[in-house]
Amino acid sequence: MDGGGGGEGGAPEKTLPAARARARAKRRPRRPSSARDGTPDDPPRPDGAPPAPRPGSPAPAKGHDRRSRMGKGRGLPKKGGAGGKGVWGAPGVVYPYQEPDARDPNYDEAAQGDTVYATVVPELEGEELRKNVHPMVLEYFEHGDPLEVVELLRGLNLGGHKAAVPSLAVALSLEGKASHRELTSRLLSDLVGKVLSPEDVAAAFDGMLGDLPDLILDTPEAPQMLGQFIARAVADHALPLDFLERYKGRVDCEHARAALDRAAVLLRIKRDVNRLDNVWGVGGGQRPVKHLIKEMNLLLREYLLSGEVSEAEHCLRQLEVPHFHHELVYEAVVMVLESSGETAVAMMMKLLKVLWETGLVTLDQMNRGFQRVYDELGDISLDVPLAHSILERLVDLCFEEGVITKQLRDACPARGRKRFVSEGDGGQIKQ
C-alpha cells in the first residue's frame, strides 16, 4: 500500500515543479506602454493593472504622473498638452491680445504707457444747483462782469438743468433794483451760445410763466416785469423769435396773458430797433451826467409843487447815484436863490434835513454841494442880486437844524458893504 500510495502520489509531485519551470521559461518581461516608450509589443495584462516598469528604469514621481488615477485612458497628457494650469498651450496656437487687468498680481502700471487723468464733475441738480448759482448771481450784481459768470458756469456740470440758471437770475432781479434787471438781461444775452442755448432760455421762461401766481405774492409787478424780460430777450436773440407765437390761443392764466401782452406791445413799438436797451433804463452811474442833472431838477420842481418829501426821497433812491448826490444839494440851493419868498427856503431846508437824517446824503456830499455854490456865488449874483442875503439865511437855518457843520457855515462868503462917498471925494468908492 505504501508503494502504491507512494507511486500514485509521487507522480504529481514530480510533474508540478516541472510545469512551473516550463511556465517561467515561456513568460517574457513586460514593458509600460507610455508615450515615451515607442515599443507597443508588450501585451496588456489580463487583470487590467498597469504594466510593470522596465527593468533598470526609474520609477515615475508621484506628483508628475499625468496618467489617469481612475484606471482609465491611455495615460497620455490631457488635451494634448494644451490644458491645465500654468501651461503654454498646444503648439501653433496664436492667442489674441488681451487688455491688462489692473487686479492681476503681475500688472505693471509703468509698462502701460502714459496715464491720462480726467476730472469727473458730478451733475448738479435741485438744492445743490441753487447753492452754487445763487451766490454767483449776487456777486454779478456787484461787479457786473458777465464773462466771469460764464467761466464759473463752465466749471459746473449743469447737465439737463441749464434752464435753472436763467430762472434763478430773473427771480433774484425781480426782488432787486432796476439796475439788477438790466444786468440780468445782459447776462442772458451773453450766456446764449456759450453756456446756454435759446431753447434753454425758452424753457426757463416757460417755467416762470407757470410760476407767476407764486411770484406775484412777493413782487406784484411780476407779470409786467416778466413781459419786459421776454421782449428784451427776444430783441437780444436770447429767445427764439417765435416764442410769443407758441402761446397764441393757449394761455389760460391771466397773469401769464398779461406778461405776454406786455412783451408783444414792447416788441411792436420797438419793431425798428434791434435791441430794447432802454426797457429797464440805463442803471446808476452809467447814465450821462446831463441826464442825471435833468432828473434831479425835475425831482426838485415836483417836490416844490407837491411838498411830498417821501416821494422825493424815493425818486432819489431810484436814480442809484449816491456819488452824485452833491448835485442835488447844489441844484436845491441854486433853486432857492433863484426863487422869491420864504416858502422855497423853508421847503428846501426841510428836504435837506430829511435827506441828512436818513443818511441818503452824506456829510461829504452835503459839503461839496454847498461849496460849489460858494465858489459860483459871484456868477449867480449877476442874475440874482439878493443871492448873498438869501444864501446867508438858508445857511443859518441849515446850521440850526444840524444839517451842515459850523465850519461850512463860517465858510459862507459874506458880501462886503460898499458905499459911495460925497461928491467932494471925487466919487470914489470906499470900503
Protein backbone atom coordinates (compact mmCIF):
# COMPACT_ATOMS: atom_id res chain seq x y z
CA MET A 1 0.00 0.00 0.00
CA ASP A 2 2.80 2.29 0.82
CA GLY A 3 4.46 1.67 -2.51
CA GLY A 4 1.24 2.03 -4.41
CA GLY A 5 0.32 5.13 -2.46
CA GLY A 6 3.76 6.48 -2.93
CA GLY A 7 3.76 5.69 -6.59
CA GLU A 8 0.39 7.38 -7.07
CA GLY A 9 1.31 10.43 -5.01
CA GLY A 10 4.84 10.82 -6.32
CA ALA A 11 3.99 11.35 -9.95
CA PRO A 12 2.06 14.57 -9.35
CA GLU A 13 4.82 15.98 -7.12
CA LYS A 14 7.40 15.49 -9.84
CA THR A 15 5.09 16.80 -12.51
CA LEU A 16 4.09 20.17 -10.76
CA PRO A 17 7.60 21.67 -10.35
CA ALA A 18 8.46 20.78 -13.88
CA ALA A 19 5.29 22.51 -15.13
CA ARG A 20 6.12 25.67 -13.17
CA ALA A 21 9.61 25.78 -14.56
CA ARG A 22 8.37 25.44 -18.08
CA ALA A 23 5.85 28.27 -17.49
CA ARG A 24 8.53 30.63 -16.17
CA ALA A 25 10.68 29.91 -19.17
CA LYS A 26 7.88 30.82 -21.55
CA ARG A 27 7.00 34.11 -19.72
CA ARG A 28 8.55 37.27 -21.26
CA PRO A 29 9.20 40.55 -19.38
CA ARG A 30 6.53 43.26 -19.98
CA ARG A 31 7.25 46.94 -20.62
CA PRO A 32 4.94 50.00 -19.98
CA SER A 33 3.05 51.32 -22.99
CA SER A 34 3.72 55.08 -22.34
CA ALA A 35 4.27 57.87 -24.87
CA ARG A 36 7.99 57.84 -24.10
CA ASP A 37 8.29 54.11 -24.84
CA GLY A 38 7.59 53.54 -28.51
CA THR A 39 7.56 49.67 -28.47
CA PRO A 40 3.97 48.51 -28.35
CA ASP A 41 4.98 44.91 -28.28
CA ASP A 42 4.06 44.26 -24.65
CA PRO A 43 0.57 42.80 -24.45
CA PRO A 44 -1.69 44.17 -21.74
CA ARG A 45 -2.02 42.23 -18.52
CA PRO A 46 -5.26 40.30 -18.18
CA ASP A 47 -6.12 41.81 -14.76
CA GLY A 48 -6.08 45.39 -16.17
CA ALA A 49 -3.30 46.52 -13.83
CA PRO A 50 -0.70 48.98 -15.10
CA PRO A 51 2.27 47.31 -16.75
CA ALA A 52 5.35 46.69 -14.70
CA PRO A 53 8.22 49.17 -15.09
CA ARG A 54 11.02 48.26 -17.40
CA PRO A 55 13.99 46.75 -15.66
CA GLY A 56 16.56 49.45 -14.82
CA SER A 57 14.18 52.42 -15.47
CA PRO A 58 13.49 54.85 -12.57
CA ALA A 59 10.08 54.81 -11.06
CA PRO A 60 7.96 57.89 -12.10
CA ALA A 61 7.46 60.56 -9.45
CA LYS A 62 4.02 60.61 -7.96
CA GLY A 63 3.49 64.42 -8.45
CA HIS A 64 4.41 64.38 -12.17
CA ASP A 65 2.43 61.37 -13.19
CA ARG A 66 -0.03 62.55 -15.87
CA ARG A 67 -1.77 59.21 -16.16
CA SER A 68 -5.33 58.92 -15.03
CA ARG A 69 -5.85 57.93 -11.38
CA MET A 70 -9.14 56.33 -12.30
CA GLY A 71 -7.55 53.45 -14.16
CA LYS A 72 -8.98 54.66 -17.48
CA GLY A 73 -7.42 56.12 -20.61
CA ARG A 74 -4.11 55.53 -22.27
CA GLY A 75 -2.06 57.58 -19.83
CA LEU A 76 -1.49 60.47 -22.33
CA PRO A 77 -1.40 64.18 -21.23
CA LYS A 78 -4.81 65.85 -21.09
CA LYS A 79 -5.88 67.96 -24.12
CA GLY A 80 -2.74 67.13 -26.00
CA GLY A 81 -0.62 69.33 -23.69
CA ALA A 82 -2.83 72.39 -24.11
CA GLY A 83 -4.78 72.09 -20.89
CA GLY A 84 -4.03 72.51 -17.26
CA LYS A 85 -2.86 75.41 -15.14
CA GLY A 86 0.40 77.14 -15.99
CA VAL A 87 0.95 75.52 -19.41
CA TRP A 88 1.86 77.27 -22.67
CA GLY A 89 -0.89 75.62 -24.70
CA ALA A 90 -0.87 73.47 -27.77
CA PRO A 91 1.88 74.07 -30.35
CA GLY A 92 0.93 76.50 -33.14
CA VAL A 93 -1.91 78.21 -31.25
CA VAL A 94 -1.90 82.06 -31.51
CA TYR A 95 -3.86 83.83 -28.79
CA PRO A 96 -5.48 87.29 -29.37
CA TYR A 97 -4.37 90.41 -27.45
CA GLN A 98 -5.95 90.84 -24.06
CA GLU A 99 -6.18 94.12 -22.16
CA PRO A 100 -4.08 94.14 -18.97
CA ASP A 101 -6.05 93.60 -15.83
CA ALA A 102 -5.19 96.04 -13.03
CA ARG A 103 -6.15 93.36 -10.49
CA ASP A 104 -3.57 90.96 -11.88
CA PRO A 105 -0.68 90.49 -9.38
CA ASN A 106 1.77 90.81 -12.28
CA TYR A 107 0.21 94.06 -13.55
CA ASP A 108 2.84 96.75 -14.11
CA GLU A 109 1.35 100.25 -14.30
CA ALA A 110 4.59 101.83 -15.52
CA ALA A 111 4.69 99.49 -18.52
CA GLN A 112 1.25 100.57 -19.79
CA GLY A 113 2.40 103.87 -21.32
CA ASP A 114 1.29 107.40 -20.45
CA THR A 115 -1.53 107.63 -17.94
CA VAL A 116 -4.26 110.17 -18.66
CA TYR A 117 -6.22 111.50 -15.67
CA ALA A 118 -9.65 113.04 -16.25
CA THR A 119 -11.60 115.14 -13.76
CA VAL A 120 -15.16 113.95 -13.35
CA VAL A 121 -17.53 116.70 -12.18
CA PRO A 122 -20.83 115.40 -10.79
CA GLU A 123 -24.02 116.77 -12.30
CA LEU A 124 -25.71 119.42 -10.17
CA GLU A 125 -29.42 119.35 -9.54
CA GLY A 126 -32.00 120.63 -7.09
CA GLU A 127 -30.76 122.39 -3.98
CA GLU A 128 -27.10 121.78 -4.86
CA LEU A 129 -27.53 123.71 -8.10
CA ARG A 130 -29.20 126.60 -6.29
CA LYS A 131 -26.39 126.79 -3.70
CA ASN A 132 -23.82 127.23 -6.49
CA VAL A 133 -25.71 129.63 -8.77
CA HIS A 134 -27.38 131.87 -6.16
CA PRO A 135 -24.18 133.49 -4.75
CA MET A 136 -22.74 133.65 -8.26
CA VAL A 137 -25.63 135.87 -9.43
CA LEU A 138 -25.49 138.07 -6.33
CA GLU A 139 -21.77 138.70 -6.91
CA TYR A 140 -22.52 139.51 -10.54
CA PHE A 141 -24.93 142.23 -9.38
CA GLU A 142 -21.96 143.79 -7.59
CA HIS A 143 -19.20 143.59 -10.22
CA GLY A 144 -21.31 143.44 -13.42
CA ASP A 145 -18.83 141.28 -15.37
CA PRO A 146 -20.74 138.62 -17.38
CA LEU A 147 -17.54 136.95 -18.60
CA GLU A 148 -16.69 135.92 -15.04
CA VAL A 149 -20.12 134.29 -14.68
CA VAL A 150 -19.60 132.45 -17.98
CA GLU A 151 -16.30 130.99 -16.76
CA LEU A 152 -17.79 129.94 -13.43
CA LEU A 153 -20.75 128.23 -15.09
CA ARG A 154 -18.44 126.37 -17.46
CA GLY A 155 -16.79 124.80 -14.44
CA LEU A 156 -20.13 123.31 -13.33
CA ASN A 157 -21.81 120.24 -14.75
CA LEU A 158 -25.31 121.57 -15.33
CA GLY A 159 -26.40 118.56 -17.36
CA GLY A 160 -30.09 118.78 -18.16
CA HIS A 161 -30.77 121.56 -15.65
CA LYS A 162 -29.42 124.53 -17.63
CA ALA A 163 -32.82 126.22 -17.61
CA ALA A 164 -32.49 126.71 -13.85
CA VAL A 165 -29.77 129.37 -14.31
CA PRO A 166 -31.98 131.97 -16.12
CA SER A 167 -34.85 131.21 -13.72
CA LEU A 168 -32.73 131.93 -10.65
CA ALA A 169 -31.20 135.09 -12.15
CA VAL A 170 -34.58 136.55 -13.17
CA ALA A 171 -36.18 135.64 -9.83
CA LEU A 172 -33.42 137.44 -7.91
CA SER A 173 -33.61 140.52 -10.16
CA LEU A 174 -37.39 140.78 -9.67
CA GLU A 175 -36.74 141.33 -5.98
CA GLY A 176 -33.90 143.79 -6.65
CA LYS A 177 -33.42 147.10 -8.41
CA ALA A 178 -33.89 148.20 -11.99
CA SER A 179 -30.13 148.06 -12.48
CA HIS A 180 -30.18 144.39 -11.42
CA ARG A 181 -32.79 143.63 -14.06
CA GLU A 182 -30.71 145.42 -16.68
CA LEU A 183 -27.67 143.34 -15.69
CA THR A 184 -29.74 140.15 -15.83
CA SER A 185 -30.92 140.90 -19.37
CA ARG A 186 -27.31 141.46 -20.43
CA LEU A 187 -26.26 138.23 -18.72
CA LEU A 188 -28.87 136.16 -20.59
CA SER A 189 -27.67 137.61 -23.87
CA ASP A 190 -24.03 136.79 -23.07
CA LEU A 191 -24.75 133.25 -21.87
CA VAL A 192 -26.53 132.19 -25.07
CA GLY A 193 -24.09 130.47 -27.37
CA LYS A 194 -21.50 129.96 -24.61
CA VAL A 195 -23.29 128.11 -21.83
CA LEU A 196 -26.97 128.14 -22.78
CA SER A 197 -28.99 127.76 -25.96
CA PRO A 198 -32.11 129.78 -26.91
CA GLU A 199 -34.21 126.71 -26.13
CA ASP A 200 -32.76 126.57 -22.61
CA VAL A 201 -33.80 130.19 -22.04
CA ALA A 202 -37.22 129.44 -23.55
CA ALA A 203 -37.68 126.53 -21.13
CA ALA A 204 -36.78 128.86 -18.25
CA PHE A 205 -39.37 131.46 -19.26
CA ASP A 206 -41.96 128.70 -19.79
CA GLY A 207 -41.46 127.68 -16.18
CA MET A 208 -41.59 131.28 -14.91
CA LEU A 209 -44.85 131.96 -16.78
CA GLY A 210 -46.32 128.97 -14.99
CA ASP A 211 -44.98 130.20 -11.63
CA LEU A 212 -46.39 133.74 -11.94
CA PRO A 213 -49.18 133.13 -9.37
CA ASP A 214 -46.44 132.48 -6.80
CA LEU A 215 -44.12 135.26 -7.99
CA ILE A 216 -46.73 137.99 -7.63
CA LEU A 217 -47.02 137.23 -3.91
CA ASP A 218 -43.58 138.79 -3.37
CA THR A 219 -43.50 141.04 -6.45
CA PRO A 220 -46.93 142.36 -7.52
CA GLU A 221 -45.42 143.83 -10.73
CA ALA A 222 -44.00 140.44 -11.75
CA PRO A 223 -46.23 139.99 -14.88
CA GLN A 224 -45.18 143.35 -16.36
CA MET A 225 -41.53 142.81 -15.48
CA LEU A 226 -41.51 139.30 -16.92
CA GLY A 227 -43.05 140.65 -20.11
CA GLN A 228 -40.22 143.19 -20.35
CA PHE A 229 -37.69 140.41 -19.81
CA ILE A 230 -39.27 138.40 -22.64
CA ALA A 231 -39.28 141.37 -25.01
CA ARG A 232 -35.67 142.21 -24.24
CA ALA A 233 -34.58 138.56 -24.63
CA VAL A 234 -36.33 138.27 -28.00
CA ALA A 235 -34.70 141.50 -29.20
CA ASP A 236 -31.28 140.27 -27.98
CA HIS A 237 -31.81 136.89 -29.74
CA ALA A 238 -31.60 135.11 -26.41
CA LEU A 239 -35.11 133.72 -27.06
CA PRO A 240 -36.41 132.23 -30.32
CA LEU A 241 -38.25 134.77 -32.48
CA ASP A 242 -41.38 132.62 -32.46
CA PHE A 243 -41.57 132.41 -28.66
CA LEU A 244 -44.72 134.55 -28.45
CA GLU A 245 -46.32 132.68 -31.36
CA ARG A 246 -46.15 129.44 -29.39
CA TYR A 247 -48.60 130.82 -26.81
CA LYS A 248 -51.28 132.18 -29.14
CA GLY A 249 -54.63 130.81 -28.03
CA ARG A 250 -53.05 128.52 -25.44
CA VAL A 251 -52.84 130.74 -22.34
CA ASP A 252 -55.38 130.24 -19.56
CA CYS A 253 -53.63 132.08 -16.69
CA GLU A 254 -54.48 135.79 -16.62
CA HIS A 255 -51.05 136.68 -15.19
CA ALA A 256 -49.23 134.85 -17.98
CA ARG A 257 -51.50 136.54 -20.53
CA ALA A 258 -50.66 139.96 -19.08
CA ALA A 259 -46.91 139.22 -19.31
CA LEU A 260 -47.15 138.05 -22.92
CA ASP A 261 -49.28 141.06 -23.88
CA ARG A 262 -46.71 143.38 -22.33
CA ALA A 263 -43.93 141.72 -24.33
CA ALA A 264 -45.96 141.92 -27.55
CA VAL A 265 -46.62 145.64 -27.06
CA LEU A 266 -42.94 146.42 -26.44
CA LEU A 267 -41.84 144.45 -29.49
CA ARG A 268 -44.47 146.17 -31.62
CA ILE A 269 -43.36 149.63 -30.52
CA LYS A 270 -39.67 148.84 -31.00
CA ARG A 271 -40.04 146.88 -34.22
CA ASP A 272 -37.45 149.05 -35.96
CA VAL A 273 -34.94 148.79 -33.10
CA ASN A 274 -32.69 145.76 -32.83
CA ARG A 275 -32.23 145.97 -29.07
CA LEU A 276 -34.57 147.21 -26.34
CA ASP A 277 -31.75 148.89 -24.48
CA ASN A 278 -33.99 151.27 -22.53
CA VAL A 279 -36.58 148.78 -21.35
CA TRP A 280 -35.13 148.96 -17.84
CA GLY A 281 -33.39 152.30 -18.17
CA VAL A 282 -29.63 152.69 -18.01
CA GLY A 283 -28.60 151.88 -14.46
CA GLY A 284 -26.93 154.18 -11.98
CA GLY A 285 -23.58 155.68 -12.82
CA GLN A 286 -23.83 154.55 -16.44
CA ARG A 287 -26.28 157.37 -17.14
CA PRO A 288 -24.99 160.58 -18.78
CA VAL A 289 -24.35 163.46 -16.41
CA LYS A 290 -26.74 165.74 -18.31
CA HIS A 291 -29.50 163.18 -17.90
CA LEU A 292 -28.89 162.93 -14.15
CA ILE A 293 -28.93 166.72 -13.77
CA LYS A 294 -32.22 166.87 -15.66
CA GLU A 295 -33.73 164.16 -13.46
CA MET A 296 -32.69 165.94 -10.26
CA ASN A 297 -34.10 169.27 -11.46
CA LEU A 298 -37.38 167.57 -12.26
CA LEU A 299 -37.36 165.88 -8.85
CA LEU A 300 -36.90 169.21 -7.03
CA ARG A 301 -39.57 171.02 -9.06
CA GLU A 302 -42.10 168.28 -8.39
CA TYR A 303 -41.25 168.49 -4.69
CA LEU A 304 -41.84 172.25 -4.61
CA LEU A 305 -45.25 171.69 -6.19
CA SER A 306 -46.37 168.68 -4.13
CA GLY A 307 -44.41 169.09 -0.91
CA GLU A 308 -44.10 165.28 -0.52
CA VAL A 309 -40.71 164.57 0.98
CA SER A 310 -41.13 160.78 0.84
CA GLU A 311 -41.75 160.87 -2.92
CA ALA A 312 -38.66 163.00 -3.49
CA GLU A 313 -36.61 160.61 -1.35
CA HIS A 314 -37.95 157.60 -3.30
CA CYS A 315 -37.10 159.18 -6.66
CA LEU A 316 -33.57 160.00 -5.49
CA ARG A 317 -33.03 156.40 -4.40
CA GLN A 318 -34.25 155.14 -7.77
CA LEU A 319 -31.51 157.11 -9.54
CA GLU A 320 -28.91 154.95 -7.74
CA VAL A 321 -26.15 157.56 -7.89
CA PRO A 322 -25.03 158.12 -4.28
CA HIS A 323 -21.73 159.53 -5.54
CA PHE A 324 -23.63 162.29 -7.39
CA HIS A 325 -25.93 163.48 -4.58
CA HIS A 326 -23.88 166.66 -4.24
CA GLU A 327 -25.53 167.75 -7.48
CA LEU A 328 -28.94 167.55 -5.78
CA VAL A 329 -27.69 169.78 -2.93
CA TYR A 330 -26.23 172.25 -5.43
CA GLU A 331 -29.40 172.37 -7.54
CA ALA A 332 -31.58 172.74 -4.42
CA VAL A 333 -29.59 175.73 -3.11
CA VAL A 334 -29.47 177.43 -6.53
CA MET A 335 -33.23 176.89 -6.93
CA VAL A 336 -33.78 178.61 -3.58
CA LEU A 337 -31.56 181.57 -4.62
CA GLU A 338 -33.50 181.96 -7.89
CA SER A 339 -36.91 181.79 -6.22
CA SER A 340 -38.73 184.53 -4.40
CA GLY A 341 -40.28 184.29 -0.97
CA GLU A 342 -39.63 182.34 2.18
CA THR A 343 -41.59 179.26 1.14
CA ALA A 344 -38.85 177.83 -1.05
CA VAL A 345 -36.27 178.39 1.69
CA ALA A 346 -38.31 176.52 4.30
CA MET A 347 -39.22 173.65 1.97
CA MET A 348 -35.65 173.09 0.74
CA MET A 349 -34.33 173.25 4.28
CA LYS A 350 -36.88 170.59 5.29
CA LEU A 351 -35.90 168.34 2.35
CA LEU A 352 -32.18 168.63 3.07
CA LYS A 353 -32.82 167.84 6.74
CA VAL A 354 -34.73 164.63 5.89
CA LEU A 355 -32.09 163.53 3.40
CA TRP A 356 -29.38 164.20 6.02
CA GLU A 357 -31.17 162.34 8.81
CA THR A 358 -31.91 159.27 6.64
CA GLY A 359 -28.27 159.12 5.54
CA LEU A 360 -29.19 159.38 1.88
CA VAL A 361 -26.96 162.47 1.55
CA THR A 362 -23.67 162.07 3.38
CA LEU A 363 -21.60 164.79 5.05
CA ASP A 364 -19.12 164.80 2.19
CA GLN A 365 -21.87 165.19 -0.43
CA MET A 366 -23.55 167.95 1.58
CA ASN A 367 -20.28 169.88 1.96
CA ARG A 368 -19.42 169.51 -1.72
CA GLY A 369 -22.85 170.77 -2.77
CA PHE A 370 -22.68 173.94 -0.62
CA GLN A 371 -19.04 174.54 -1.51
CA ARG A 372 -19.91 174.53 -5.22
CA VAL A 373 -22.50 177.24 -4.55
CA TYR A 374 -19.94 179.27 -2.60
CA ASP A 375 -17.48 179.04 -5.50
CA GLU A 376 -20.05 180.17 -8.09
CA LEU A 377 -21.84 182.75 -5.98
CA GLY A 378 -20.19 185.64 -7.85
CA ASP A 379 -21.64 184.50 -11.17
CA ILE A 380 -25.01 183.71 -9.59
CA SER A 381 -25.18 187.21 -8.12
CA LEU A 382 -25.11 188.70 -11.63
CA ASP A 383 -28.56 187.20 -12.26
CA VAL A 384 -29.81 187.23 -8.64
CA PRO A 385 -28.66 190.43 -6.86
CA LEU A 386 -30.01 189.24 -3.49
CA ALA A 387 -28.23 185.87 -3.70
CA HIS A 388 -25.85 186.67 -0.82
CA SER A 389 -28.56 187.51 1.69
CA ILE A 390 -30.77 184.58 0.71
CA LEU A 391 -27.84 182.19 0.95
CA GLU A 392 -26.88 183.51 4.38
CA ARG A 393 -30.42 182.96 5.65
CA LEU A 394 -30.53 179.41 4.22
CA VAL A 395 -27.13 178.55 5.66
CA ASP A 396 -28.14 179.80 9.11
CA LEU A 397 -31.33 177.70 9.04
CA CYS A 398 -29.45 174.59 7.93
CA PHE A 399 -26.88 175.08 10.70
CA GLU A 400 -29.61 175.50 13.33
CA GLU A 401 -31.21 172.23 12.18
CA GLY A 402 -27.87 170.43 12.25
CA VAL A 403 -27.70 169.82 8.50
CA ILE A 404 -24.32 171.50 7.99
CA THR A 405 -21.31 171.99 10.22
CA LYS A 406 -20.05 175.20 11.81
CA GLN A 407 -17.00 175.21 9.54
CA LEU A 408 -19.26 175.10 6.46
CA ARG A 409 -21.41 177.94 7.83
CA ASP A 410 -18.37 180.09 8.53
CA ALA A 411 -17.07 179.43 5.02
CA CYS A 412 -20.15 181.09 3.50
CA PRO A 413 -18.96 184.21 1.62
CA ALA A 414 -20.34 187.48 3.00
CA ARG A 415 -20.96 190.42 0.69
CA GLY A 416 -18.78 193.40 1.62
CA ARG A 417 -20.61 196.59 2.50
CA LYS A 418 -19.86 199.29 -0.11
CA ARG A 419 -20.96 202.94 -0.08
CA PHE A 420 -20.36 205.98 -2.24
CA VAL A 421 -18.74 208.99 -0.54
CA SER A 422 -19.73 212.55 -1.19
CA GLU A 423 -19.07 214.24 -4.49
CA GLY A 424 -16.25 216.13 -2.85
CA ASP A 425 -14.28 212.87 -2.66
CA GLY A 426 -14.39 212.58 -6.44
CA GLY A 427 -16.96 209.81 -6.49
CA GLN A 428 -14.53 207.23 -5.13
CA ILE A 429 -15.88 204.02 -3.61
CA LYS A 430 -14.81 203.41 -0.05
CA GLN A 431 -14.95 200.18 1.80
